[in-house]
Amino acid sequence: MVDVRPPGSDAGEDRAALADFLSEVQGVLGEMLEYPEWFSEELHELLRAALGDVAPRIELVQRYLTDPHDADVLDARLAEAGLTGVQLELKLRGFRGALERFREEP
């Protein structure tokens, strides 16, 4: 697979963007907890438990993304998964656009 990066982009920037994205996802899940009326009581409690369970894992992955001991291997795997360059940019813009539309809904 050929990794096509936007001008000025590099693997470190892609990894930083992924780490930031994980923070965004964690924030969205936290926001969802603020609206228990959106869920059944059981599902709301499962969401609360799942978020508590995943938070340390997100932090671990973020640390790995920002300071990998095997950057070349990580970067190759991220590229294979479509999580670098324009592929990553497309996914991040899609997520952020959907989130923006969701937040605009009454």
PDB file of N, CA and C in Angstrom:
ATOM      1  N   MET A   1       0.849  -1.184   0.000  1.00  0.00           N
ATOM      2  CA  MET A   1       0.000   0.000   0.000  1.00  0.00           C
ATOM      3  C   MET A   1       0.891   1.241   0.000  1.00  0.00           C
ATOM      4  N   VAL A   2       0.572   2.171  -0.848  1.00  0.00           N
ATOM      5  CA  VAL A   2       1.310   3.419  -0.914  1.00  0.00           C
ATOM      6  C   VAL A   2       0.654   4.399   0.047  1.00  0.00           C
ATOM      7  N   ASP A   3       1.467   4.995   0.892  1.00  0.00           N
ATOM      8  CA  ASP A   3       0.967   5.969   1.857  1.00  0.00           C
ATOM      9  C   ASP A   3       1.133   7.356   1.267  1.00  0.00           C
ATOM     10  N   VAL A   4       0.033   7.988   0.931  1.00  0.00           N
ATOM     11  CA  VAL A   4       0.072   9.327   0.364  1.00  0.00           C
ATOM     12  C   VAL A   4      -0.239  10.299   1.481  1.00  0.00           C
ATOM     13  N   ARG A   5       0.706  11.149   1.791  1.00  0.00           N
ATOM     14  CA  ARG A   5       0.548  12.116   2.878  1.00  0.00           C
ATOM     15  C   ARG A   5       0.342  13.504   2.293  1.00  0.00           C
ATOM     16  N   PRO A   6      -0.466  14.315   2.966  1.00  0.00           N
ATOM     17  CA  PRO A   6      -0.580  15.705   2.543  1.00  0.00           C
ATOM     18  C   PRO A   6       0.767  16.395   2.688  1.00  0.00           C
ATOM     19  N   PRO A   7       1.010  17.426   1.889  1.00  0.00           N
ATOM     20  CA  PRO A   7       2.289  18.145   2.020  1.00  0.00           C
ATOM     21  C   PRO A   7       2.519  18.584   3.463  1.00  0.00           C
ATOM     22  N   GLY A   8       3.728  18.365   3.949  1.00  0.00           N
ATOM     23  CA  GLY A   8       4.086  18.781   5.303  1.00  0.00           C
ATOM     24  C   GLY A   8       3.709  17.784   6.381  1.00  0.00           C
ATOM     25  N   SER A   9       3.006  16.715   6.016  1.00  0.00           N
ATOM     26  CA  SER A   9       2.581  15.720   6.999  1.00  0.00           C
ATOM     27  C   SER A   9       3.697  14.694   7.193  1.00  0.00           C
ATOM     28  N   ASP A  10       3.789  14.169   8.403  1.00  0.00           N
ATOM     29  CA  ASP A  10       4.742  13.086   8.637  1.00  0.00           C
ATOM     30  C   ASP A  10       4.137  12.091   9.611  1.00  0.00           C
ATOM     31  N   ALA A  11       4.828  10.986   9.809  1.00  0.00           N
ATOM     32  CA  ALA A  11       4.309   9.913  10.654  1.00  0.00           C
ATOM     33  C   ALA A  11       4.070  10.390  12.079  1.00  0.00           C
ATOM     34  N   GLY A  12       4.969  11.218  12.609  1.00  0.00           N
ATOM     35  CA  GLY A  12       4.788  11.729  13.968  1.00  0.00           C
ATOM     36  C   GLY A  12       3.530  12.560  14.091  1.00  0.00           C
ATOM     37  N   GLU A  13       3.235  13.344  13.063  1.00  0.00           N
ATOM     38  CA  GLU A  13       2.001  14.145  13.077  1.00  0.00           C
ATOM     39  C   GLU A  13       0.772  13.244  13.031  1.00  0.00           C
ATOM     40  N   ASP A  14       0.847  12.182  12.235  1.00  0.00           N
ATOM     41  CA  ASP A  14      -0.278  11.245  12.166  1.00  0.00           C
ATOM     42  C   ASP A  14      -0.514  10.589  13.520  1.00  0.00           C
ATOM     43  N   ARG A  15       0.572  10.170  14.166  1.00  0.00           N
ATOM     44  CA  ARG A  15       0.422   9.543  15.481  1.00  0.00           C
ATOM     45  C   ARG A  15      -0.143  10.522  16.494  1.00  0.00           C
ATOM     46  N   ALA A  16       0.290  11.768  16.438  1.00  0.00           N
ATOM     47  CA  ALA A  16      -0.243  12.794  17.347  1.00  0.00           C
ATOM     48  C   ALA A  16      -1.719  13.042  17.066  1.00  0.00           C
ATOM     49  N   ALA A  17      -2.100  13.042  15.794  1.00  0.00           N
ATOM     50  CA  ALA A  17      -3.505  13.237  15.434  1.00  0.00           C
ATOM     51  C   ALA A  17      -4.359  12.088  15.960  1.00  0.00           C
ATOM     52  N   LEU A  18      -3.838  10.870  15.891  1.00  0.00           N
ATOM     53  CA  LEU A  18      -4.571   9.722  16.440  1.00  0.00           C
ATOM     54  C   LEU A  18      -4.707   9.822  17.953  1.00  0.00           C
ATOM     55  N   ALA A  19      -3.660  10.245  18.620  1.00  0.00           N
ATOM     56  CA  ALA A  19      -3.720  10.413  20.076  1.00  0.00           C
ATOM     57  C   ALA A  19      -4.763  11.469  20.438  1.00  0.00           C
ATOM     58  N   ASP A  20      -4.801  12.566  19.694  1.00  0.00           N
ATOM     59  CA  ASP A  20      -5.809  13.604  19.923  1.00  0.00           C
ATOM     60  C   ASP A  20      -7.215  13.067  19.668  1.00  0.00           C
ATOM     61  N   PHE A  21      -7.337  12.265  18.606  1.00  0.00           N
ATOM     62  CA  PHE A  21      -8.635  11.683  18.270  1.00  0.00           C
ATOM     63  C   PHE A  21      -9.156  10.817  19.419  1.00  0.00           C
ATOM     64  N   LEU A  22      -8.281  10.056  20.025  1.00  0.00           N
ATOM     65  CA  LEU A  22      -8.700   9.224  21.155  1.00  0.00           C
ATOM     66  C   LEU A  22      -9.221  10.081  22.304  1.00  0.00           C
ATOM     67  N   SER A  23      -8.616  11.238  22.514  1.00  0.00           N
ATOM     68  CA  SER A  23      -9.115  12.164  23.540  1.00  0.00           C
ATOM     69  C   SER A  23     -10.503  12.669  23.169  1.00  0.00           C
ATOM     70  N   GLU A  24     -10.692  12.955  21.888  1.00  0.00           N
ATOM     71  CA  GLU A  24     -12.006  13.411  21.429  1.00  0.00           C
ATOM     72  C   GLU A  24     -13.071  12.343  21.665  1.00  0.00           C
ATOM     73  N   VAL A  25     -12.758  11.107  21.324  1.00  0.00           N
ATOM     74  CA  VAL A  25     -13.711  10.012  21.510  1.00  0.00           C
ATOM     75  C   VAL A  25     -14.024   9.848  22.994  1.00  0.00           C
ATOM     76  N   GLN A  26     -13.006   9.891  23.819  1.00  0.00           N
ATOM     77  CA  GLN A  26     -13.217   9.774  25.264  1.00  0.00           C
ATOM     78  C   GLN A  26     -14.108  10.915  25.752  1.00  0.00           C
ATOM     79  N   GLY A  27     -13.894  12.106  25.232  1.00  0.00           N
ATOM     80  CA  GLY A  27     -14.724  13.252  25.609  1.00  0.00           C
ATOM     81  C   GLY A  27     -16.170  13.082  25.186  1.00  0.00           C
ATOM     82  N   VAL A  28     -16.392  12.575  23.989  1.00  0.00           N
ATOM     83  CA  VAL A  28     -17.754  12.346  23.498  1.00  0.00           C
ATOM     84  C   VAL A  28     -18.462  11.318  24.377  1.00  0.00           C
ATOM     85  N   LEU A  29     -17.763  10.255  24.716  1.00  0.00           N
ATOM     86  CA  LEU A  29     -18.371   9.247  25.588  1.00  0.00           C
ATOM     87  C   LEU A  29     -18.708   9.848  26.950  1.00  0.00           C
ATOM     88  N   GLY A  30     -17.827  10.686  27.462  1.00  0.00           N
ATOM     89  CA  GLY A  30     -18.107  11.370  28.725  1.00  0.00           C
ATOM     90  C   GLY A  30     -19.318  12.281  28.627  1.00  0.00           C
ATOM     91  N   GLU A  31     -19.441  12.981  27.506  1.00  0.00           N
ATOM     92  CA  GLU A  31     -20.608  13.840  27.288  1.00  0.00           C
ATOM     93  C   GLU A  31     -21.892  13.022  27.281  1.00  0.00           C
ATOM     94  N   MET A  32     -21.821  11.849  26.672  1.00  0.00           N
ATOM     95  CA  MET A  32     -23.006  10.996  26.601  1.00  0.00           C
ATOM     96  C   MET A  32     -23.503  10.623  27.997  1.00  0.00           C
ATOM     97  N   LEU A  33     -22.584  10.481  28.931  1.00  0.00           N
ATOM     98  CA  LEU A  33     -22.974  10.149  30.301  1.00  0.00           C
ATOM     99  C   LEU A  33     -23.802  11.256  30.944  1.00  0.00           C
ATOM    100  N   GLU A  34     -23.661  12.472  30.430  1.00  0.00           N
ATOM    101  CA  GLU A  34     -24.391  13.603  30.986  1.00  0.00           C
ATOM    102  C   GLU A  34     -25.860  13.613  30.584  1.00  0.00           C
ATOM    103  N   TYR A  35     -26.259  12.682  29.716  1.00  0.00           N
ATOM    104  CA  TYR A  35     -27.644  12.625  29.243  1.00  0.00           C
ATOM    105  C   TYR A  35     -28.232  11.238  29.496  1.00  0.00           C
ATOM    106  N   PRO A  36     -28.463  10.902  30.758  1.00  0.00           N
ATOM    107  CA  PRO A  36     -28.977   9.555  31.061  1.00  0.00           C
ATOM    108  C   PRO A  36     -30.330   9.279  30.402  1.00  0.00           C
ATOM    109  N   GLU A  37     -31.058  10.332  30.062  1.00  0.00           N
ATOM    110  CA  GLU A  37     -32.365  10.137  29.426  1.00  0.00           C
ATOM    111  C   GLU A  37     -32.250   9.566  28.018  1.00  0.00           C
ATOM    112  N   TRP A  38     -31.065   9.577  27.456  1.00  0.00           N
ATOM    113  CA  TRP A  38     -30.854   9.009  26.125  1.00  0.00           C
ATOM    114  C   TRP A  38     -30.814   7.488  26.152  1.00  0.00           C
ATOM    115  N   PHE A  39     -30.643   6.913  27.320  1.00  0.00           N
ATOM    116  CA  PHE A  39     -30.416   5.475  27.443  1.00  0.00           C
ATOM    117  C   PHE A  39     -31.341   4.877  28.489  1.00  0.00           C
ATOM    118  N   SER A  40     -31.533   3.572  28.381  1.00  0.00           N
ATOM    119  CA  SER A  40     -32.172   2.882  29.487  1.00  0.00           C
ATOM    120  C   SER A  40     -31.209   2.970  30.669  1.00  0.00           C
ATOM    121  N   GLU A  41     -31.725   2.774  31.870  1.00  0.00           N
ATOM    122  CA  GLU A  41     -30.859   2.844  33.054  1.00  0.00           C
ATOM    123  C   GLU A  41     -29.738   1.820  32.970  1.00  0.00           C
ATOM    124  N   GLU A  42     -30.079   0.623  32.511  1.00  0.00           N
ATOM    125  CA  GLU A  42     -29.079  -0.443  32.401  1.00  0.00           C
ATOM    126  C   GLU A  42     -27.992  -0.077  31.387  1.00  0.00           C
ATOM    127  N   LEU A  43     -28.381   0.452  30.247  1.00  0.00           N
ATOM    128  CA  LEU A  43     -27.400   0.819  29.230  1.00  0.00           C
ATOM    129  C   LEU A  43     -26.539   1.996  29.688  1.00  0.00           C
ATOM    130  N   HIS A  44     -27.142   2.933  30.404  1.00  0.00           N
ATOM    131  CA  HIS A  44     -26.378   4.066  30.923  1.00  0.00           C
ATOM    132  C   HIS A  44     -25.304   3.586  31.900  1.00  0.00           C
ATOM    133  N   GLU A  45     -25.651   2.652  32.763  1.00  0.00           N
ATOM    134  CA  GLU A  45     -24.667   2.115  33.707  1.00  0.00           C
ATOM    135  C   GLU A  45     -23.577   1.324  32.996  1.00  0.00           C
ATOM    136  N   LEU A  46     -23.952   0.592  31.941  1.00  0.00           N
ATOM    137  CA  LEU A  46     -22.942  -0.122  31.154  1.00  0.00           C
ATOM    138  C   LEU A  46     -21.984   0.860  30.476  1.00  0.00           C
ATOM    139  N   LEU A  47     -22.523   1.962  29.960  1.00  0.00           N
ATOM    140  CA  LEU A  47     -21.681   2.979  29.345  1.00  0.00           C
ATOM    141  C   LEU A  47     -20.726   3.576  30.365  1.00  0.00           C
ATOM    142  N   ARG A  48     -21.238   3.867  31.549  1.00  0.00           N
ATOM    143  CA  ARG A  48     -20.397   4.428  32.608  1.00  0.00           C
ATOM    144  C   ARG A  48     -19.263   3.438  32.958  1.00  0.00           C
ATOM    145  N   ALA A  49     -19.605   2.182  33.099  1.00  0.00           N
ATOM    146  CA  ALA A  49     -18.598   1.171  33.441  1.00  0.00           C
ATOM    147  C   ALA A  49     -17.595   0.997  32.302  1.00  0.00           C
ATOM    148  N   ALA A  50     -18.089   0.982  31.064  1.00  0.00           N
ATOM    149  CA  ALA A  50     -17.204   0.807  29.917  1.00  0.00           C
ATOM    150  C   ALA A  50     -16.243   1.974  29.787  1.00  0.00           C
ATOM    151  N   LEU A  51     -16.727   3.182  30.009  1.00  0.00           N
ATOM    152  CA  LEU A  51     -15.852   4.347  29.917  1.00  0.00           C
ATOM    153  C   LEU A  51     -14.774   4.300  30.998  1.00  0.00           C
ATOM    154  N   GLY A  52     -15.154   3.921  32.198  1.00  0.00           N
ATOM    155  CA  GLY A  52     -14.166   3.788  33.269  1.00  0.00           C
ATOM    156  C   GLY A  52     -13.141   2.718  32.958  1.00  0.00           C
ATOM    157  N   ASP A  53     -13.591   1.664  32.297  1.00  0.00           N
ATOM    158  CA  ASP A  53     -12.705   0.563  31.944  1.00  0.00           C
ATOM    159  C   ASP A  53     -11.746   0.934  30.816  1.00  0.00           C
ATOM    160  N   VAL A  54     -12.228   1.711  29.857  1.00  0.00           N
ATOM    161  CA  VAL A  54     -11.420   2.011  28.678  1.00  0.00           C
ATOM    162  C   VAL A  54     -10.483   3.198  28.886  1.00  0.00           C
ATOM    163  N   ALA A  55     -10.768   4.072  29.834  1.00  0.00           N
ATOM    164  CA  ALA A  55      -9.954   5.280  30.032  1.00  0.00           C
ATOM    165  C   ALA A  55      -8.460   4.969  30.211  1.00  0.00           C
ATOM    166  N   PRO A  56      -8.085   4.028  31.082  1.00  0.00           N
ATOM    167  CA  PRO A  56      -6.653   3.741  31.227  1.00  0.00           C
ATOM    168  C   PRO A  56      -6.041   3.161  29.949  1.00  0.00           C
ATOM    169  N   ARG A  57      -6.851   2.435  29.192  1.00  0.00           N
ATOM    170  CA  ARG A  57      -6.344   1.864  27.933  1.00  0.00           C
ATOM    171  C   ARG A  57      -6.098   2.964  26.904  1.00  0.00           C
ATOM    172  N   ILE A  58      -7.000   3.934  26.874  1.00  0.00           N
ATOM    173  CA  ILE A  58      -6.816   5.062  25.964  1.00  0.00           C
ATOM    174  C   ILE A  58      -5.522   5.788  26.313  1.00  0.00           C
ATOM    175  N   GLU A  59      -5.299   6.021  27.583  1.00  0.00           N
ATOM    176  CA  GLU A  59      -4.077   6.701  28.007  1.00  0.00           C
ATOM    177  C   GLU A  59      -2.833   5.895  27.621  1.00  0.00           C
ATOM    178  N   LEU A  60      -2.898   4.591  27.758  1.00  0.00           N
ATOM    179  CA  LEU A  60      -1.777   3.731  27.387  1.00  0.00           C
ATOM    180  C   LEU A  60      -1.493   3.832  25.888  1.00  0.00           C
ATOM    181  N   VAL A  61      -2.526   3.761  25.079  1.00  0.00           N
ATOM    182  CA  VAL A  61      -2.360   3.854  23.628  1.00  0.00           C
ATOM    183  C   VAL A  61      -1.836   5.239  23.245  1.00  0.00           C
ATOM    184  N   GLN A  62      -2.342   6.269  23.898  1.00  0.00           N
ATOM    185  CA  GLN A  62      -1.853   7.620  23.608  1.00  0.00           C
ATOM    186  C   GLN A  62      -0.361   7.753  23.913  1.00  0.00           C
ATOM    187  N   ARG A  63       0.070   7.193  25.028  1.00  0.00           N
ATOM    188  CA  ARG A  63       1.503   7.239  25.370  1.00  0.00           C
ATOM    189  C   ARG A  63       2.327   6.505  24.312  1.00  0.00           C
ATOM    190  N   TYR A  64       1.821   5.370  23.870  1.00  0.00           N
ATOM    191  CA  TYR A  64       2.532   4.593  22.844  1.00  0.00           C
ATOM    192  C   TYR A  64       2.591   5.362  21.528  1.00  0.00           C
ATOM    193  N   LEU A  65       1.486   6.018  21.171  1.00  0.00           N
ATOM    194  CA  LEU A  65       1.466   6.785  19.925  1.00  0.00           C
ATOM    195  C   LEU A  65       2.429   7.965  19.971  1.00  0.00           C
ATOM    196  N   THR A  66       2.537   8.595  21.119  1.00  0.00           N
ATOM    197  CA  THR A  66       3.379   9.786  21.203  1.00  0.00           C
ATOM    198  C   THR A  66       4.851   9.470  21.459  1.00  0.00           C
ATOM    199  N   ASP A  67       5.125   8.272  21.969  1.00  0.00           N
ATOM    200  CA  ASP A  67       6.513   7.902  22.240  1.00  0.00           C
ATOM    201  C   ASP A  67       6.719   6.406  21.994  1.00  0.00           C
ATOM    202  N   PRO A  68       6.585   5.980  20.741  1.00  0.00           N
ATOM    203  CA  PRO A  68       6.712   4.542  20.463  1.00  0.00           C
ATOM    204  C   PRO A  68       8.164   4.090  20.520  1.00  0.00           C
ATOM    205  N   HIS A  69       8.372   2.894  21.022  1.00  0.00           N
ATOM    206  CA  HIS A  69       9.724   2.339  21.057  1.00  0.00           C
ATOM    207  C   HIS A  69      10.099   1.707  19.716  1.00  0.00           C
ATOM    208  N   ASP A  70       9.099   1.476  18.872  1.00  0.00           N
ATOM    209  CA  ASP A  70       9.327   0.875  17.558  1.00  0.00           C
ATOM    210  C   ASP A  70       8.537   1.647  16.501  1.00  0.00           C
ATOM    211  N   ALA A  71       8.864   2.913  16.348  1.00  0.00           N
ATOM    212  CA  ALA A  71       8.089   3.820  15.488  1.00  0.00           C
ATOM    213  C   ALA A  71       7.939   3.288  14.069  1.00  0.00           C
ATOM    214  N   ASP A  72       8.983   2.711  13.501  1.00  0.00           N
ATOM    215  CA  ASP A  72       8.896   2.231  12.119  1.00  0.00           C
ATOM    216  C   ASP A  72       7.850   1.131  11.982  1.00  0.00           C
ATOM    217  N   VAL A  73       7.837   0.206  12.928  1.00  0.00           N
ATOM    218  CA  VAL A  73       6.852  -0.886  12.900  1.00  0.00           C
ATOM    219  C   VAL A  73       5.448  -0.323  13.108  1.00  0.00           C
ATOM    220  N   LEU A  74       5.296   0.547  14.088  1.00  0.00           N
ATOM    221  CA  LEU A  74       3.995   1.151  14.363  1.00  0.00           C
ATOM    222  C   LEU A  74       3.495   1.918  13.153  1.00  0.00           C
ATOM    223  N   ASP A  75       4.348   2.731  12.560  1.00  0.00           N
ATOM    224  CA  ASP A  75       3.937   3.530  11.411  1.00  0.00           C
ATOM    225  C   ASP A  75       3.514   2.649  10.238  1.00  0.00           C
ATOM    226  N   ALA A  76       4.221   1.557  10.029  1.00  0.00           N
ATOM    227  CA  ALA A  76       3.854   0.632   8.955  1.00  0.00           C
ATOM    228  C   ALA A  76       2.488  -0.001   9.221  1.00  0.00           C
ATOM    229  N   ARG A  77       2.249  -0.377  10.465  1.00  0.00           N
ATOM    230  CA  ARG A  77       0.958  -0.987  10.805  1.00  0.00           C
ATOM    231  C   ARG A  77      -0.186   0.021  10.703  1.00  0.00           C
ATOM    232  N   LEU A  78       0.075   1.247  11.120  1.00  0.00           N
ATOM    233  CA  LEU A  78      -0.950   2.286  10.992  1.00  0.00           C
ATOM    234  C   LEU A  78      -1.264   2.535   9.522  1.00  0.00           C
ATOM    235  N   ALA A  79      -0.239   2.556   8.682  1.00  0.00           N
ATOM    236  CA  ALA A  79      -0.450   2.746   7.245  1.00  0.00           C
ATOM    237  C   ALA A  79      -1.266   1.591   6.666  1.00  0.00           C
ATOM    238  N   GLU A  80      -0.941   0.368   7.060  1.00  0.00           N
ATOM    239  CA  GLU A  80      -1.686  -0.803   6.581  1.00  0.00           C
ATOM    240  C   GLU A  80      -3.156  -0.726   6.976  1.00  0.00           C
ATOM    241  N   ALA A  81      -3.423  -0.128   8.128  1.00  0.00           N
ATOM    242  CA  ALA A  81      -4.795  -0.013   8.623  1.00  0.00           C
ATOM    243  C   ALA A  81      -5.508   1.235   8.085  1.00  0.00           C
ATOM    244  N   GLY A  82      -4.838   2.001   7.243  1.00  0.00           N
ATOM    245  CA  GLY A  82      -5.446   3.212   6.705  1.00  0.00           C
ATOM    246  C   GLY A  82      -5.525   4.331   7.722  1.00  0.00           C
ATOM    247  N   LEU A  83      -4.557   4.376   8.633  1.00  0.00           N
ATOM    248  CA  LEU A  83      -4.571   5.381   9.700  1.00  0.00           C
ATOM    249  C   LEU A  83      -3.381   6.325   9.594  1.00  0.00           C
ATOM    250  N   THR A  84      -3.032   6.665   8.353  1.00  0.00           N
ATOM    251  CA  THR A  84      -1.975   7.639   8.101  1.00  0.00           C
ATOM    252  C   THR A  84      -2.364   8.471   6.879  1.00  0.00           C
ATOM    253  N   GLY A  85      -1.689   9.592   6.728  1.00  0.00           N
ATOM    254  CA  GLY A  85      -1.838  10.405   5.524  1.00  0.00           C
ATOM    255  C   GLY A  85      -3.274  10.791   5.221  1.00  0.00           C
ATOM    256  N   VAL A  86      -3.598  10.755   3.929  1.00  0.00           N
ATOM    257  CA  VAL A  86      -4.939  11.172   3.503  1.00  0.00           C
ATOM    258  C   VAL A  86      -6.024  10.238   4.017  1.00  0.00           C
ATOM    259  N   GLN A  87      -5.685   8.968   4.208  1.00  0.00           N
ATOM    260  CA  GLN A  87      -6.675   8.031   4.753  1.00  0.00           C
ATOM    261  C   GLN A  87      -7.072   8.447   6.170  1.00  0.00           C
ATOM    262  N   LEU A  88      -6.100   8.817   6.970  1.00  0.00           N
ATOM    263  CA  LEU A  88      -6.390   9.277   8.325  1.00  0.00           C
ATOM    264  C   LEU A  88      -7.165  10.586   8.284  1.00  0.00           C
ATOM    265  N   GLU A  89      -6.738  11.502   7.444  1.00  0.00           N
ATOM    266  CA  GLU A  89      -7.408  12.798   7.340  1.00  0.00           C
ATOM    267  C   GLU A  89      -8.881  12.624   6.982  1.00  0.00           C
ATOM    268  N   LEU A  90      -9.176  11.738   6.047  1.00  0.00           N
ATOM    269  CA  LEU A  90     -10.556  11.472   5.670  1.00  0.00           C
ATOM    270  C   LEU A  90     -11.366  10.977   6.861  1.00  0.00           C
ATOM    271  N   LYS A  91     -10.821  10.046   7.603  1.00  0.00           N
ATOM    272  CA  LYS A  91     -11.526   9.485   8.755  1.00  0.00           C
ATOM    273  C   LYS A  91     -11.743  10.532   9.849  1.00  0.00           C
ATOM    274  N   LEU A  92     -10.717  11.321  10.123  1.00  0.00           N
ATOM    275  CA  LEU A  92     -10.847  12.340  11.168  1.00  0.00           C
ATOM    276  C   LEU A  92     -11.865  13.406  10.774  1.00  0.00           C
ATOM    277  N   ARG A  93     -11.810  13.848   9.528  1.00  0.00           N
ATOM    278  CA  ARG A  93     -12.775  14.863   9.075  1.00  0.00           C
ATOM    279  C   ARG A  93     -14.194  14.311   9.088  1.00  0.00           C
ATOM    280  N   GLY A  94     -14.348  13.050   8.680  1.00  0.00           N
ATOM    281  CA  GLY A  94     -15.671  12.432   8.700  1.00  0.00           C
ATOM    282  C   GLY A  94     -16.235  12.352  10.103  1.00  0.00           C
ATOM    283  N   PHE A  95     -15.410  11.914  11.049  1.00  0.00           N
ATOM    284  CA  PHE A  95     -15.848  11.819  12.436  1.00  0.00           C
ATOM    285  C   PHE A  95     -16.220  13.194  12.971  1.00  0.00           C
ATOM    286  N   ARG A  96     -15.350  14.162  12.763  1.00  0.00           N
ATOM    287  CA  ARG A  96     -15.587  15.507  13.316  1.00  0.00           C
ATOM    288  C   ARG A  96     -16.794  16.168  12.674  1.00  0.00           C
ATOM    289  N   GLY A  97     -16.991  15.930  11.376  1.00  0.00           N
ATOM    290  CA  GLY A  97     -18.164  16.479  10.706  1.00  0.00           C
ATOM    291  C   GLY A  97     -19.447  15.865  11.246  1.00  0.00           C
ATOM    292  N   ALA A  98     -19.440  14.557  11.434  1.00  0.00           N
ATOM    293  CA  ALA A  98     -20.614  13.883  11.990  1.00  0.00           C
ATOM    294  C   ALA A  98     -20.890  14.357  13.410  1.00  0.00           C
ATOM    295  N   LEU A  99     -19.847  14.532  14.184  1.00  0.00           N
ATOM    296  CA  LEU A  99     -20.010  14.996  15.557  1.00  0.00           C
ATOM    297  C   LEU A  99     -20.568  16.418  15.586  1.00  0.00           C
ATOM    298  N   GLU A 100     -20.093  17.250  14.690  1.00  0.00           N
ATOM    299  CA  GLU A 100     -20.591  18.623  14.613  1.00  0.00           C
ATOM    300  C   GLU A 100     -22.076  18.639  14.249  1.00  0.00           C
ATOM    301  N   ARG A 101     -22.465  17.819  13.287  1.00  0.00           N
ATOM    302  CA  ARG A 101     -23.890  17.737  12.911  1.00  0.00           C
ATOM    303  C   ARG A 101     -24.724  17.207  14.072  1.00  0.00           C
ATOM    304  N   PHE A 102     -24.212  16.204  14.784  1.00  0.00           N
ATOM    305  CA  PHE A 102     -24.915  15.644  15.925  1.00  0.00           C
ATOM    306  C   PHE A 102     -25.152  16.716  16.996  1.00  0.00           C
ATOM    307  N   ARG A 103     -24.132  17.509  17.247  1.00  0.00           N
ATOM    308  CA  ARG A 103     -24.252  18.538  18.283  1.00  0.00           C
ATOM    309  C   ARG A 103     -25.193  19.671  17.875  1.00  0.00           C
ATOM    310  N   GLU A 104     -25.404  19.848  16.591  1.00  0.00           N
ATOM    311  CA  GLU A 104     -26.318  20.886  16.107  1.00  0.00           C
ATOM    312  C   GLU A 104     -27.779  20.460  16.207  1.00  0.00           C
ATOM    313  N   GLU A 105     -28.029  19.178  16.296  1.00  0.00           N
ATOM    314  CA  GLU A 105     -29.402  18.675  16.365  1.00  0.00           C
ATOM    315  C   GLU A 105     -30.059  19.144  17.664  1.00  0.00           C
ATOM    316  N   PRO A 106     -31.345  19.530  17.550  1.00  0.00           N
ATOM    317  CA  PRO A 106     -32.042  19.987  18.790  1.00  0.00           C
ATOM    318  C   PRO A 106     -32.308  18.848  19.755  1.00  0.00           C
TER     319      PRO A 106
END
